[in-house]
Amino acid sequence: MSDFSPQQRRMDQDPAIQQALGVLKGASDRYQAQVALNLIMIVIEHWIEASTLHSVDDLVDVLEKSRKADSSQLRRWYDVNETMRAALKLLEECPEDVQAKIIPSIQIMVENSLEKCHD
């Protein structure tokens, strides 16, 4: 289970997310995009399952926030990758109970899919 506290909303501060991002940093752009899209699908599925996503507009609002990021805020490698930035923003904005279900499995998903990619 993650030690991420609810008051800390930046996803890149969570140890499991940090490890996953560390693995992704050296991966190809294609692989990074694939993982980001998978993460987006997982977040949306869990968000819908939790019955806290009320409309597509909720998703659009979150993605707009991600897209409108000030260029001075784009300091990390995954901020520059628009798909990865959107995936992390969706994860950041979803309810904490949904985050708690998803975050522990992200590192495993990244490592397993990277292994399959190199087979």
PDB file of N, CA and C in Angstrom:
ATOM      1  N   MET A   1       0.848  -1.191   0.000  1.00  0.00           N
ATOM      2  CA  MET A   1       0.000   0.000   0.000  1.00  0.00           C
ATOM      3  C   MET A   1       0.879   1.234   0.000  1.00  0.00           C
ATOM      4  N   SER A   2       0.429   2.234  -0.645  1.00  0.00           N
ATOM      5  CA  SER A   2       1.193   3.465  -0.775  1.00  0.00           C
ATOM      6  C   SER A   2       1.118   4.301   0.498  1.00  0.00           C
ATOM      7  N   ASP A   3       2.207   5.009   0.792  1.00  0.00           N
ATOM      8  CA  ASP A   3       2.240   5.904   1.950  1.00  0.00           C
ATOM      9  C   ASP A   3       1.811   7.313   1.579  1.00  0.00           C
ATOM     10  N   PHE A   4       1.292   7.496   0.400  1.00  0.00           N
ATOM     11  CA  PHE A   4       0.906   8.803  -0.119  1.00  0.00           C
ATOM     12  C   PHE A   4      -0.219   9.381   0.732  1.00  0.00           C
ATOM     13  N   SER A   5      -0.008  10.552   1.271  1.00  0.00           N
ATOM     14  CA  SER A   5      -1.038  11.159   2.117  1.00  0.00           C
ATOM     15  C   SER A   5      -2.007  11.967   1.270  1.00  0.00           C
ATOM     16  N   PRO A   6      -3.291  12.007   1.649  1.00  0.00           N
ATOM     17  CA  PRO A   6      -4.290  12.731   0.882  1.00  0.00           C
ATOM     18  C   PRO A   6      -3.980  14.217   0.719  1.00  0.00           C
ATOM     19  N   GLN A   7      -3.244  14.801   1.652  1.00  0.00           N
ATOM     20  CA  GLN A   7      -2.934  16.222   1.548  1.00  0.00           C
ATOM     21  C   GLN A   7      -1.917  16.502   0.433  1.00  0.00           C
ATOM     22  N   GLN A   8      -1.139  15.514   0.083  1.00  0.00           N
ATOM     23  CA  GLN A   8      -0.121  15.643  -0.952  1.00  0.00           C
ATOM     24  C   GLN A   8      -0.735  15.210  -2.263  1.00  0.00           C
ATOM     25  N   ARG A   9      -1.133  16.116  -3.125  1.00  0.00           N
ATOM     26  CA  ARG A   9      -1.866  15.754  -4.322  1.00  0.00           C
ATOM     27  C   ARG A   9      -0.972  15.541  -5.535  1.00  0.00           C
ATOM     28  N   ARG A  10       0.302  15.866  -5.472  1.00  0.00           N
ATOM     29  CA  ARG A  10       1.161  15.647  -6.631  1.00  0.00           C
ATOM     30  C   ARG A  10       1.495  14.178  -6.736  1.00  0.00           C
ATOM     31  N   MET A  11       1.109  13.592  -7.831  1.00  0.00           N
ATOM     32  CA  MET A  11       1.297  12.152  -8.007  1.00  0.00           C
ATOM     33  C   MET A  11       2.765  11.752  -8.033  1.00  0.00           C
ATOM     34  N   ASP A  12       3.621  12.629  -8.508  1.00  0.00           N
ATOM     35  CA  ASP A  12       5.034  12.258  -8.620  1.00  0.00           C
ATOM     36  C   ASP A  12       5.740  12.207  -7.263  1.00  0.00           C
ATOM     37  N   GLN A  13       5.029  12.516  -6.192  1.00  0.00           N
ATOM     38  CA  GLN A  13       5.600  12.416  -4.847  1.00  0.00           C
ATOM     39  C   GLN A  13       5.348  11.040  -4.229  1.00  0.00           C
ATOM     40  N   ASP A  14       4.463  10.263  -4.817  1.00  0.00           N
ATOM     41  CA  ASP A  14       4.176   8.930  -4.311  1.00  0.00           C
ATOM     42  C   ASP A  14       5.315   7.991  -4.690  1.00  0.00           C
ATOM     43  N   PRO A  15       5.823   7.191  -3.739  1.00  0.00           N
ATOM     44  CA  PRO A  15       6.961   6.307  -4.029  1.00  0.00           C
ATOM     45  C   PRO A  15       6.715   5.319  -5.178  1.00  0.00           C
ATOM     46  N   ALA A  16       5.516   4.750  -5.257  1.00  0.00           N
ATOM     47  CA  ALA A  16       5.220   3.808  -6.345  1.00  0.00           C
ATOM     48  C   ALA A  16       5.222   4.520  -7.695  1.00  0.00           C
ATOM     49  N   ILE A  17       4.687   5.722  -7.732  1.00  0.00           N
ATOM     50  CA  ILE A  17       4.669   6.500  -8.975  1.00  0.00           C
ATOM     51  C   ILE A  17       6.092   6.912  -9.331  1.00  0.00           C
ATOM     52  N   GLN A  18       6.875   7.324  -8.340  1.00  0.00           N
ATOM     53  CA  GLN A  18       8.270   7.699  -8.598  1.00  0.00           C
ATOM     54  C   GLN A  18       9.038   6.548  -9.229  1.00  0.00           C
ATOM     55  N   GLN A  19       8.847   5.337  -8.702  1.00  0.00           N
ATOM     56  CA  GLN A  19       9.554   4.179  -9.250  1.00  0.00           C
ATOM     57  C   GLN A  19       9.093   3.889 -10.673  1.00  0.00           C
ATOM     58  N   ALA A  20       7.797   3.963 -10.905  1.00  0.00           N
ATOM     59  CA  ALA A  20       7.275   3.724 -12.256  1.00  0.00           C
ATOM     60  C   ALA A  20       7.819   4.764 -13.229  1.00  0.00           C
ATOM     61  N   LEU A  21       7.840   6.019 -12.811  1.00  0.00           N
ATOM     62  CA  LEU A  21       8.370   7.077 -13.679  1.00  0.00           C
ATOM     63  C   LEU A  21       9.859   6.875 -13.936  1.00  0.00           C
ATOM     64  N   GLY A  22      10.576   6.371 -12.927  1.00  0.00           N
ATOM     65  CA  GLY A  22      11.994   6.077 -13.115  1.00  0.00           C
ATOM     66  C   GLY A  22      12.218   5.024 -14.179  1.00  0.00           C
ATOM     67  N   VAL A  23      11.381   3.998 -14.182  1.00  0.00           N
ATOM     68  CA  VAL A  23      11.466   2.954 -15.202  1.00  0.00           C
ATOM     69  C   VAL A  23      11.105   3.527 -16.572  1.00  0.00           C
ATOM     70  N   LEU A  24      10.067   4.338 -16.608  1.00  0.00           N
ATOM     71  CA  LEU A  24       9.597   4.902 -17.881  1.00  0.00           C
ATOM     72  C   LEU A  24      10.566   5.907 -18.488  1.00  0.00           C
ATOM     73  N   LYS A  25      11.323   6.595 -17.656  1.00  0.00           N
ATOM     74  CA  LYS A  25      12.205   7.655 -18.144  1.00  0.00           C
ATOM     75  C   LYS A  25      13.157   7.157 -19.228  1.00  0.00           C
ATOM     76  N   GLY A  26      13.668   5.957 -19.078  1.00  0.00           N
ATOM     77  CA  GLY A  26      14.610   5.428 -20.055  1.00  0.00           C
ATOM     78  C   GLY A  26      13.961   4.671 -21.197  1.00  0.00           C
ATOM     79  N   ALA A  27      12.639   4.568 -21.183  1.00  0.00           N
ATOM     80  CA  ALA A  27      11.932   3.821 -22.216  1.00  0.00           C
ATOM     81  C   ALA A  27      11.715   4.680 -23.464  1.00  0.00           C
ATOM     82  N   SER A  28      11.365   4.023 -24.539  1.00  0.00           N
ATOM     83  CA  SER A  28      11.108   4.733 -25.798  1.00  0.00           C
ATOM     84  C   SER A  28       9.860   5.609 -25.676  1.00  0.00           C
ATOM     85  N   ASP A  29       9.775   6.613 -26.531  1.00  0.00           N
ATOM     86  CA  ASP A  29       8.603   7.494 -26.545  1.00  0.00           C
ATOM     87  C   ASP A  29       7.333   6.689 -26.807  1.00  0.00           C
ATOM     88  N   ARG A  30       7.441   5.721 -27.695  1.00  0.00           N
ATOM     89  CA  ARG A  30       6.279   4.890 -28.033  1.00  0.00           C
ATOM     90  C   ARG A  30       5.804   4.117 -26.805  1.00  0.00           C
ATOM     91  N   TYR A  31       6.731   3.545 -26.089  1.00  0.00           N
ATOM     92  CA  TYR A  31       6.383   2.787 -24.894  1.00  0.00           C
ATOM     93  C   TYR A  31       5.792   3.707 -23.828  1.00  0.00           C
ATOM     94  N   GLN A  32       6.374   4.877 -23.640  1.00  0.00           N
ATOM     95  CA  GLN A  32       5.847   5.833 -22.667  1.00  0.00           C
ATOM     96  C   GLN A  32       4.410   6.202 -22.999  1.00  0.00           C
ATOM     97  N   ALA A  33       4.138   6.451 -24.273  1.00  0.00           N
ATOM     98  CA  ALA A  33       2.783   6.814 -24.702  1.00  0.00           C
ATOM     99  C   ALA A  33       1.815   5.651 -24.471  1.00  0.00           C
ATOM    100  N   GLN A  34       2.271   4.437 -24.753  1.00  0.00           N
ATOM    101  CA  GLN A  34       1.432   3.255 -24.559  1.00  0.00           C
ATOM    102  C   GLN A  34       1.063   3.094 -23.079  1.00  0.00           C
ATOM    103  N   VAL A  35       2.035   3.237 -22.205  1.00  0.00           N
ATOM    104  CA  VAL A  35       1.775   3.128 -20.766  1.00  0.00           C
ATOM    105  C   VAL A  35       0.842   4.244 -20.309  1.00  0.00           C
ATOM    106  N   ALA A  36       1.064   5.459 -20.800  1.00  0.00           N
ATOM    107  CA  ALA A  36       0.206   6.588 -20.419  1.00  0.00           C
ATOM    108  C   ALA A  36      -1.239   6.340 -20.853  1.00  0.00           C
ATOM    109  N   LEU A  37      -1.434   5.838 -22.059  1.00  0.00           N
ATOM    110  CA  LEU A  37      -2.790   5.544 -22.531  1.00  0.00           C
ATOM    111  C   LEU A  37      -3.434   4.432 -21.697  1.00  0.00           C
ATOM    112  N   ASN A  38      -2.655   3.416 -21.350  1.00  0.00           N
ATOM    113  CA  ASN A  38      -3.173   2.351 -20.477  1.00  0.00           C
ATOM    114  C   ASN A  38      -3.572   2.915 -19.120  1.00  0.00           C
ATOM    115  N   LEU A  39      -2.746   3.791 -18.585  1.00  0.00           N
ATOM    116  CA  LEU A  39      -3.051   4.404 -17.295  1.00  0.00           C
ATOM    117  C   LEU A  39      -4.330   5.243 -17.374  1.00  0.00           C
ATOM    118  N   ILE A  40      -4.471   5.991 -18.456  1.00  0.00           N
ATOM    119  CA  ILE A  40      -5.690   6.794 -18.643  1.00  0.00           C
ATOM    120  C   ILE A  40      -6.916   5.879 -18.643  1.00  0.00           C
ATOM    121  N   MET A  41      -6.843   4.772 -19.372  1.00  0.00           N
ATOM    122  CA  MET A  41      -7.981   3.837 -19.419  1.00  0.00           C
ATOM    123  C   MET A  41      -8.273   3.256 -18.038  1.00  0.00           C
ATOM    124  N   ILE A  42      -7.238   2.894 -17.312  1.00  0.00           N
ATOM    125  CA  ILE A  42      -7.416   2.312 -15.972  1.00  0.00           C
ATOM    126  C   ILE A  42      -8.058   3.324 -15.029  1.00  0.00           C
ATOM    127  N   VAL A  43      -7.563   4.559 -15.056  1.00  0.00           N
ATOM    128  CA  VAL A  43      -8.122   5.597 -14.182  1.00  0.00           C
ATOM    129  C   VAL A  43      -9.596   5.815 -14.507  1.00  0.00           C
ATOM    130  N   ILE A  44      -9.913   5.944 -15.782  1.00  0.00           N
ATOM    131  CA  ILE A  44     -11.308   6.188 -16.172  1.00  0.00           C
ATOM    132  C   ILE A  44     -12.192   5.021 -15.766  1.00  0.00           C
ATOM    133  N   GLU A  45     -11.737   3.787 -16.011  1.00  0.00           N
ATOM    134  CA  GLU A  45     -12.528   2.607 -15.637  1.00  0.00           C
ATOM    135  C   GLU A  45     -12.808   2.577 -14.134  1.00  0.00           C
ATOM    136  N   HIS A  46     -11.772   2.811 -13.334  1.00  0.00           N
ATOM    137  CA  HIS A  46     -11.965   2.790 -11.885  1.00  0.00           C
ATOM    138  C   HIS A  46     -12.825   3.959 -11.418  1.00  0.00           C
ATOM    139  N   TRP A  47     -12.659   5.093 -12.056  1.00  0.00           N
ATOM    140  CA  TRP A  47     -13.435   6.280 -11.698  1.00  0.00           C
ATOM    141  C   TRP A  47     -14.916   6.035 -11.974  1.00  0.00           C
ATOM    142  N   ILE A  48     -15.224   5.427 -13.120  1.00  0.00           N
ATOM    143  CA  ILE A  48     -16.613   5.102 -13.455  1.00  0.00           C
ATOM    144  C   ILE A  48     -17.155   4.059 -12.488  1.00  0.00           C
ATOM    145  N   GLU A  49     -16.345   3.044 -12.217  1.00  0.00           N
ATOM    146  CA  GLU A  49     -16.741   1.972 -11.297  1.00  0.00           C
ATOM    147  C   GLU A  49     -17.074   2.521  -9.912  1.00  0.00           C
ATOM    148  N   ALA A  50     -16.351   3.531  -9.483  1.00  0.00           N
ATOM    149  CA  ALA A  50     -16.584   4.134  -8.169  1.00  0.00           C
ATOM    150  C   ALA A  50     -17.818   5.033  -8.166  1.00  0.00           C
ATOM    151  N   SER A  51     -18.424   5.217  -9.334  1.00  0.00           N
ATOM    152  CA  SER A  51     -19.632   6.038  -9.492  1.00  0.00           C
ATOM    153  C   SER A  51     -19.426   7.484  -9.073  1.00  0.00           C
ATOM    154  N   THR A  52     -18.205   7.972  -9.188  1.00  0.00           N
ATOM    155  CA  THR A  52     -17.957   9.371  -8.841  1.00  0.00           C
ATOM    156  C   THR A  52     -17.684  10.218 -10.082  1.00  0.00           C
ATOM    157  N   LEU A  53     -17.604   9.570 -11.232  1.00  0.00           N
ATOM    158  CA  LEU A  53     -17.458  10.300 -12.489  1.00  0.00           C
ATOM    159  C   LEU A  53     -18.863  10.510 -13.027  1.00  0.00           C
ATOM    160  N   HIS A  54     -19.303  11.755 -13.054  1.00  0.00           N
ATOM    161  CA  HIS A  54     -20.689  12.039 -13.376  1.00  0.00           C
ATOM    162  C   HIS A  54     -20.925  12.327 -14.841  1.00  0.00           C
ATOM    163  N   SER A  55     -19.908  12.797 -15.527  1.00  0.00           N
ATOM    164  CA  SER A  55     -20.090  13.062 -16.955  1.00  0.00           C
ATOM    165  C   SER A  55     -18.736  13.140 -17.643  1.00  0.00           C
ATOM    166  N   VAL A  56     -18.787  13.073 -18.946  1.00  0.00           N
ATOM    167  CA  VAL A  56     -17.573  13.201 -19.738  1.00  0.00           C
ATOM    168  C   VAL A  56     -16.966  14.590 -19.530  1.00  0.00           C
ATOM    169  N   ASP A  57     -17.807  15.557 -19.216  1.00  0.00           N
ATOM    170  CA  ASP A  57     -17.311  16.912 -18.959  1.00  0.00           C
ATOM    171  C   ASP A  57     -16.309  16.943 -17.821  1.00  0.00           C
ATOM    172  N   ASP A  58     -16.480  16.061 -16.826  1.00  0.00           N
ATOM    173  CA  ASP A  58     -15.516  15.977 -15.726  1.00  0.00           C
ATOM    174  C   ASP A  58     -14.130  15.631 -16.265  1.00  0.00           C
ATOM    175  N   LEU A  59     -14.088  14.661 -17.182  1.00  0.00           N
ATOM    176  CA  LEU A  59     -12.811  14.269 -17.790  1.00  0.00           C
ATOM    177  C   LEU A  59     -12.248  15.385 -18.652  1.00  0.00           C
ATOM    178  N   VAL A  60     -13.105  16.017 -19.421  1.00  0.00           N
ATOM    179  CA  VAL A  60     -12.666  17.099 -20.297  1.00  0.00           C
ATOM    180  C   VAL A  60     -12.061  18.233 -19.471  1.00  0.00           C
ATOM    181  N   ASP A  61     -12.686  18.558 -18.345  1.00  0.00           N
ATOM    182  CA  ASP A  61     -12.168  19.619 -17.482  1.00  0.00           C
ATOM    183  C   ASP A  61     -10.766  19.287 -16.981  1.00  0.00           C
ATOM    184  N   VAL A  62     -10.574  18.042 -16.542  1.00  0.00           N
ATOM    185  CA  VAL A  62      -9.264  17.622 -16.035  1.00  0.00           C
ATOM    186  C   VAL A  62      -8.231  17.681 -17.157  1.00  0.00           C
ATOM    187  N   LEU A  63      -8.587  17.180 -18.324  1.00  0.00           N
ATOM    188  CA  LEU A  63      -7.645  17.166 -19.441  1.00  0.00           C
ATOM    189  C   LEU A  63      -7.332  18.577 -19.932  1.00  0.00           C
ATOM    190  N   GLU A  64      -8.299  19.463 -19.858  1.00  0.00           N
ATOM    191  CA  GLU A  64      -8.044  20.860 -20.219  1.00  0.00           C
ATOM    192  C   GLU A  64      -7.034  21.496 -19.263  1.00  0.00           C
ATOM    193  N   LYS A  65      -7.166  21.195 -17.976  1.00  0.00           N
ATOM    194  CA  LYS A  65      -6.191  21.706 -17.001  1.00  0.00           C
ATOM    195  C   LYS A  65      -4.790  21.225 -17.351  1.00  0.00           C
ATOM    196  N   SER A  66      -4.700  19.972 -17.739  1.00  0.00           N
ATOM    197  CA  SER A  66      -3.409  19.386 -18.100  1.00  0.00           C
ATOM    198  C   SER A  66      -2.863  20.046 -19.358  1.00  0.00           C
ATOM    199  N   ARG A  67      -3.705  20.243 -20.328  1.00  0.00           N
ATOM    200  CA  ARG A  67      -3.281  20.808 -21.612  1.00  0.00           C
ATOM    201  C   ARG A  67      -2.866  22.272 -21.494  1.00  0.00           C
ATOM    202  N   LYS A  68      -3.499  22.991 -20.599  1.00  0.00           N
ATOM    203  CA  LYS A  68      -3.230  24.424 -20.458  1.00  0.00           C
ATOM    204  C   LYS A  68      -2.093  24.726 -19.493  1.00  0.00           C
ATOM    205  N   ALA A  69      -1.325  23.724 -19.151  1.00  0.00           N
ATOM    206  CA  ALA A  69      -0.222  23.941 -18.215  1.00  0.00           C
ATOM    207  C   ALA A  69       0.729  25.005 -18.761  1.00  0.00           C
ATOM    208  N   ASP A  70       1.117  25.893 -17.898  1.00  0.00           N
ATOM    209  CA  ASP A  70       2.068  26.943 -18.228  1.00  0.00           C
ATOM    210  C   ASP A  70       3.417  26.304 -18.570  1.00  0.00           C
ATOM    211  N   SER A  71       4.056  26.775 -19.612  1.00  0.00           N
ATOM    212  CA  SER A  71       5.324  26.169 -20.034  1.00  0.00           C
ATOM    213  C   SER A  71       6.385  26.236 -18.935  1.00  0.00           C
ATOM    214  N   SER A  72       6.278  27.184 -18.019  1.00  0.00           N
ATOM    215  CA  SER A  72       7.234  27.248 -16.909  1.00  0.00           C
ATOM    216  C   SER A  72       7.018  26.103 -15.920  1.00  0.00           C
ATOM    217  N   GLN A  73       5.846  25.461 -15.990  1.00  0.00           N
ATOM    218  CA  GLN A  73       5.555  24.332 -15.108  1.00  0.00           C
ATOM    219  C   GLN A  73       6.015  23.006 -15.716  1.00  0.00           C
ATOM    220  N   LEU A  74       6.461  23.028 -16.951  1.00  0.00           N
ATOM    221  CA  LEU A  74       6.843  21.806 -17.651  1.00  0.00           C
ATOM    222  C   LEU A  74       8.333  21.566 -17.501  1.00  0.00           C
ATOM    223  N   ARG A  75       8.737  21.225 -16.293  1.00  0.00           N
ATOM    224  CA  ARG A  75      10.159  21.067 -16.003  1.00  0.00           C
ATOM    225  C   ARG A  75      10.626  19.618 -16.047  1.00  0.00           C
ATOM    226  N   ARG A  76       9.738  18.688 -15.785  1.00  0.00           N
ATOM    227  CA  ARG A  76      10.139  17.278 -15.711  1.00  0.00           C
ATOM    228  C   ARG A  76       9.906  16.603 -17.063  1.00  0.00           C
ATOM    229  N   TRP A  77      10.621  15.515 -17.328  1.00  0.00           N
ATOM    230  CA  TRP A  77      10.515  14.859 -18.630  1.00  0.00           C
ATOM    231  C   TRP A  77       9.091  14.431 -18.941  1.00  0.00           C
ATOM    232  N   TYR A  78       8.341  14.011 -17.948  1.00  0.00           N
ATOM    233  CA  TYR A  78       6.985  13.526 -18.202  1.00  0.00           C
ATOM    234  C   TYR A  78       5.970  14.653 -18.334  1.00  0.00           C
ATOM    235  N   ASP A  79       6.359  15.870 -17.990  1.00  0.00           N
ATOM    236  CA  ASP A  79       5.493  17.024 -18.228  1.00  0.00           C
ATOM    237  C   ASP A  79       5.470  17.386 -19.710  1.00  0.00           C
ATOM    238  N   VAL A  80       6.588  17.153 -20.368  1.00  0.00           N
ATOM    239  CA  VAL A  80       6.708  17.493 -21.782  1.00  0.00           C
ATOM    240  C   VAL A  80       5.907  16.507 -22.637  1.00  0.00           C
ATOM    241  N   ASN A  81       5.818  15.256 -22.192  1.00  0.00           N
ATOM    242  CA  ASN A  81       5.025  14.245 -22.880  1.00  0.00           C
ATOM    243  C   ASN A  81       3.556  14.502 -22.538  1.00  0.00           C
ATOM    244  N   GLU A  82       2.803  15.019 -23.495  1.00  0.00           N
ATOM    245  CA  GLU A  82       1.431  15.443 -23.234  1.00  0.00           C
ATOM    246  C   GLU A  82       0.535  14.294 -22.751  1.00  0.00           C
ATOM    247  N   THR A  83       0.740  13.111 -23.288  1.00  0.00           N
ATOM    248  CA  THR A  83      -0.079  11.963 -22.886  1.00  0.00           C
ATOM    249  C   THR A  83       0.232  11.554 -21.457  1.00  0.00           C
ATOM    250  N   MET A  84       1.507  11.534 -21.115  1.00  0.00           N
ATOM    251  CA  MET A  84       1.895  11.176 -19.745  1.00  0.00           C
ATOM    252  C   MET A  84       1.399  12.236 -18.767  1.00  0.00           C
ATOM    253  N   ARG A  85       1.519  13.496 -19.145  1.00  0.00           N
ATOM    254  CA  ARG A  85       1.042  14.586 -18.282  1.00  0.00           C
ATOM    255  C   ARG A  85      -0.461  14.448 -18.049  1.00  0.00           C
ATOM    256  N   ALA A  86      -1.221  14.107 -19.099  1.00  0.00           N
ATOM    257  CA  ALA A  86      -2.669  13.928 -18.972  1.00  0.00           C
ATOM    258  C   ALA A  86      -2.997  12.743 -18.068  1.00  0.00           C
ATOM    259  N   ALA A  87      -2.249  11.642 -18.207  1.00  0.00           N
ATOM    260  CA  ALA A  87      -2.488  10.458 -17.374  1.00  0.00           C
ATOM    261  C   ALA A  87      -2.271  10.782 -15.900  1.00  0.00           C
ATOM    262  N   LEU A  88      -1.176  11.468 -15.601  1.00  0.00           N
ATOM    263  CA  LEU A  88      -0.888  11.815 -14.203  1.00  0.00           C
ATOM    264  C   LEU A  88      -1.902  12.825 -13.664  1.00  0.00           C
ATOM    265  N   LYS A  89      -2.357  13.737 -14.507  1.00  0.00           N
ATOM    266  CA  LYS A  89      -3.361  14.718 -14.077  1.00  0.00           C
ATOM    267  C   LYS A  89      -4.684  14.024 -13.765  1.00  0.00           C
ATOM    268  N   LEU A  90      -5.083  13.062 -14.607  1.00  0.00           N
ATOM    269  CA  LEU A  90      -6.311  12.310 -14.332  1.00  0.00           C
ATOM    270  C   LEU A  90      -6.192  11.554 -13.013  1.00  0.00           C
ATOM    271  N   LEU A  91      -5.050  10.928 -12.815  1.00  0.00           N
ATOM    272  CA  LEU A  91      -4.830  10.193 -11.573  1.00  0.00           C
ATOM    273  C   LEU A  91      -4.865  11.136 -10.372  1.00  0.00           C
ATOM    274  N   GLU A  92      -4.269  12.290 -10.523  1.00  0.00           N
ATOM    275  CA  GLU A  92      -4.224  13.288  -9.449  1.00  0.00           C
ATOM    276  C   GLU A  92      -5.625  13.786  -9.095  1.00  0.00           C
ATOM    277  N   GLU A  93      -6.476  13.944 -10.102  1.00  0.00           N
ATOM    278  CA  GLU A  93      -7.801  14.528  -9.896  1.00  0.00           C
ATOM    279  C   GLU A  93      -8.872  13.519  -9.506  1.00  0.00           C
ATOM    280  N   CYS A  94      -8.607  12.234  -9.693  1.00  0.00           N
ATOM    281  CA  CYS A  94      -9.636  11.259  -9.341  1.00  0.00           C
ATOM    282  C   CYS A  94      -9.716  11.119  -7.809  1.00  0.00           C
ATOM    283  N   PRO A  95     -10.819  10.598  -7.324  1.00  0.00           N
ATOM    284  CA  PRO A  95     -11.001  10.477  -5.865  1.00  0.00           C
ATOM    285  C   PRO A  95      -9.908   9.634  -5.210  1.00  0.00           C
ATOM    286  N   GLU A  96      -9.637   9.929  -3.965  1.00  0.00           N
ATOM    287  CA  GLU A  96      -8.562   9.262  -3.233  1.00  0.00           C
ATOM    288  C   GLU A  96      -8.759   7.749  -3.131  1.00  0.00           C
ATOM    289  N   ASP A  97     -10.013   7.299  -3.011  1.00  0.00           N
ATOM    290  CA  ASP A  97     -10.235   5.856  -2.936  1.00  0.00           C
ATOM    291  C   ASP A  97      -9.895   5.180  -4.261  1.00  0.00           C
ATOM    292  N   VAL A  98     -10.111   5.887  -5.348  1.00  0.00           N
ATOM    293  CA  VAL A  98      -9.743   5.360  -6.668  1.00  0.00           C
ATOM    294  C   VAL A  98      -8.218   5.341  -6.789  1.00  0.00           C
ATOM    295  N   GLN A  99      -7.570   6.412  -6.350  1.00  0.00           N
ATOM    296  CA  GLN A  99      -6.101   6.459  -6.358  1.00  0.00           C
ATOM    297  C   GLN A  99      -5.534   5.275  -5.566  1.00  0.00           C
ATOM    298  N   ALA A 100      -6.126   5.014  -4.415  1.00  0.00           N
ATOM    299  CA  ALA A 100      -5.631   3.942  -3.546  1.00  0.00           C
ATOM    300  C   ALA A 100      -5.711   2.575  -4.225  1.00  0.00           C
ATOM    301  N   LYS A 101      -6.690   2.391  -5.099  1.00  0.00           N
ATOM    302  CA  LYS A 101      -6.810   1.134  -5.829  1.00  0.00           C
ATOM    303  C   LYS A 101      -5.801   1.045  -6.968  1.00  0.00           C
ATOM    304  N   ILE A 102      -5.514   2.161  -7.585  1.00  0.00           N
ATOM    305  CA  ILE A 102      -4.710   2.171  -8.806  1.00  0.00           C
ATOM    306  C   ILE A 102      -3.213   2.263  -8.529  1.00  0.00           C
ATOM    307  N   ILE A 103      -2.810   3.143  -7.658  1.00  0.00           N
ATOM    308  CA  ILE A 103      -1.382   3.450  -7.465  1.00  0.00           C
ATOM    309  C   ILE A 103      -0.516   2.224  -7.166  1.00  0.00           C
ATOM    310  N   PRO A 104      -0.925   1.332  -6.277  1.00  0.00           N
ATOM    311  CA  PRO A 104      -0.039   0.193  -5.997  1.00  0.00           C
ATOM    312  C   PRO A 104       0.240  -0.686  -7.217  1.00  0.00           C
ATOM    313  N   SER A 105      -0.671  -0.708  -8.171  1.00  0.00           N
ATOM    314  CA  SER A 105      -0.490  -1.578  -9.331  1.00  0.00           C
ATOM    315  C   SER A 105       0.243  -0.912 -10.493  1.00  0.00           C
ATOM    316  N   ILE A 106       0.441   0.396 -10.434  1.00  0.00           N
ATOM    317  CA  ILE A 106       1.060   1.097 -11.557  1.00  0.00           C
ATOM    318  C   ILE A 106       2.499   0.635 -11.789  1.00  0.00           C
ATOM    319  N   GLN A 107       3.274   0.562 -10.744  1.00  0.00           N
ATOM    320  CA  GLN A 107       4.672   0.145 -10.893  1.00  0.00           C
ATOM    321  C   GLN A 107       4.743  -1.258 -11.481  1.00  0.00           C
ATOM    322  N   ILE A 108       3.907  -2.151 -11.014  1.00  0.00           N
ATOM    323  CA  ILE A 108       3.888  -3.525 -11.516  1.00  0.00           C
ATOM    324  C   ILE A 108       3.499  -3.535 -12.993  1.00  0.00           C
ATOM    325  N   MET A 109       2.469  -2.752 -13.355  1.00  0.00           N
ATOM    326  CA  MET A 109       2.042  -2.676 -14.744  1.00  0.00           C
ATOM    327  C   MET A 109       3.182  -2.188 -15.635  1.00  0.00           C
ATOM    328  N   VAL A 110       3.870  -1.163 -15.206  1.00  0.00           N
ATOM    329  CA  VAL A 110       4.966  -0.592 -15.992  1.00  0.00           C
ATOM    330  C   VAL A 110       6.081  -1.622 -16.175  1.00  0.00           C
ATOM    331  N   GLU A 111       6.490  -2.243 -15.098  1.00  0.00           N
ATOM    332  CA  GLU A 111       7.586  -3.209 -15.181  1.00  0.00           C
ATOM    333  C   GLU A 111       7.203  -4.433 -16.011  1.00  0.00           C
ATOM    334  N   ASN A 112       5.983  -4.942 -15.824  1.00  0.00           N
ATOM    335  CA  ASN A 112       5.544  -6.109 -16.599  1.00  0.00           C
ATOM    336  C   ASN A 112       5.429  -5.799 -18.084  1.00  0.00           C
ATOM    337  N   SER A 113       4.884  -4.653 -18.412  1.00  0.00           N
ATOM    338  CA  SER A 113       4.726  -4.324 -19.828  1.00  0.00           C
ATOM    339  C   SER A 113       6.071  -4.018 -20.467  1.00  0.00           C
ATOM    340  N   LEU A 114       7.009  -3.472 -19.699  1.00  0.00           N
ATOM    341  CA  LEU A 114       8.348  -3.230 -20.236  1.00  0.00           C
ATOM    342  C   LEU A 114       9.055  -4.547 -20.534  1.00  0.00           C
ATOM    343  N   GLU A 115       8.886  -5.531 -19.650  1.00  0.00           N
ATOM    344  CA  GLU A 115       9.474  -6.847 -19.880  1.00  0.00           C
ATOM    345  C   GLU A 115       8.921  -7.469 -21.158  1.00  0.00           C
ATOM    346  N   LYS A 116       7.616  -7.388 -21.361  1.00  0.00           N
ATOM    347  CA  LYS A 116       6.980  -7.940 -22.565  1.00  0.00           C
ATOM    348  C   LYS A 116       7.453  -7.218 -23.811  1.00  0.00           C
ATOM    349  N   CYS A 117       7.692  -5.928 -23.669  1.00  0.00           N
ATOM    350  CA  CYS A 117       8.147  -5.121 -24.791  1.00  0.00           C
ATOM    351  C   CYS A 117       9.539  -5.550 -25.260  1.00  0.00           C
ATOM    352  N   HIS A 118      10.370  -6.029 -24.331  1.00  0.00           N
ATOM    353  CA  HIS A 118      11.738  -6.418 -24.660  1.00  0.00           C
ATOM    354  C   HIS A 118      11.871  -7.890 -25.006  1.00  0.00           C
ATOM    355  N   ASP A 119      10.802  -8.672 -24.868  1.00  0.00           N
ATOM    356  CA  ASP A 119      10.856 -10.106 -25.196  1.00  0.00           C
ATOM    357  C   ASP A 119      10.867 -10.331 -26.692  1.00  0.00           C
TER     358      ASP A 119
END
